[in-house]
Amino acid sequence: MPALLTVSRLIDAISQFMGKLSEYMVLACCLISAANALIRYSFNYSSNGWLEIQWYLFAFIVVLGAAQTLRMNEHVRVDLIYGAVSERTRIWIDIIGLVVFLIPACIFLTWLCWPFFLSSYLQHEVSANAGGLIRWPVKLVLLLGFGLLALQGLSELIKRIAAVTGYIRIDTTYEKPLQ
């Protein structure tokens, strides 16, 4: 179990780094958006490339930040049962959800994204918009994002198994959204 927990901590560190990178991408996106608006209204000039880089960054933020969201236990969940059961039951719900749904889905989506990315890369696919950007980076981030989310799912599974066996204690506190 110590070796698996070391692997889990390594995956957590990667997810945390990508989450921090996503935070800086939010800043970059805001700056690009403001600069684009300033140039458009001041000089009556714009480029589709500036608009596309913003949606690329939004994609990077969401997809690369997903693993960090899972690591922090801030992801969306169906709380009909989760909030009303014991901590041990919550851990088992997490284990089943990770093994049956999250990890297989992420592996499958990573597998599906590989030819999608590779085709775009080999064809040097470019946006159909005038002044548009190359497409493969945004397709690559899908591949990386689902792969990273699968890895973070594995990390969470390791931690849940360690908690069930009494090796570690984890916080399963779930704060129900205020709605």
Foldseek 3Di string as FASTA:
>chain_A
DVVLLVLLVVLLVQLVVLQVVLVVLVVVLVVLVVVQVCCCVVVVDHAVASVVVNVLSVLSNVLSNPLNCVVVVNDDDDVPPLQPDDPLVNLVVLLCCLVPPLLVVLVVQLVVLVVVLVVQVVVQDFDPDVRTGRDNVSSVSSNVSSVSNNSSSSSSNSVSVCVNVVNDPDDPDDDDDDD
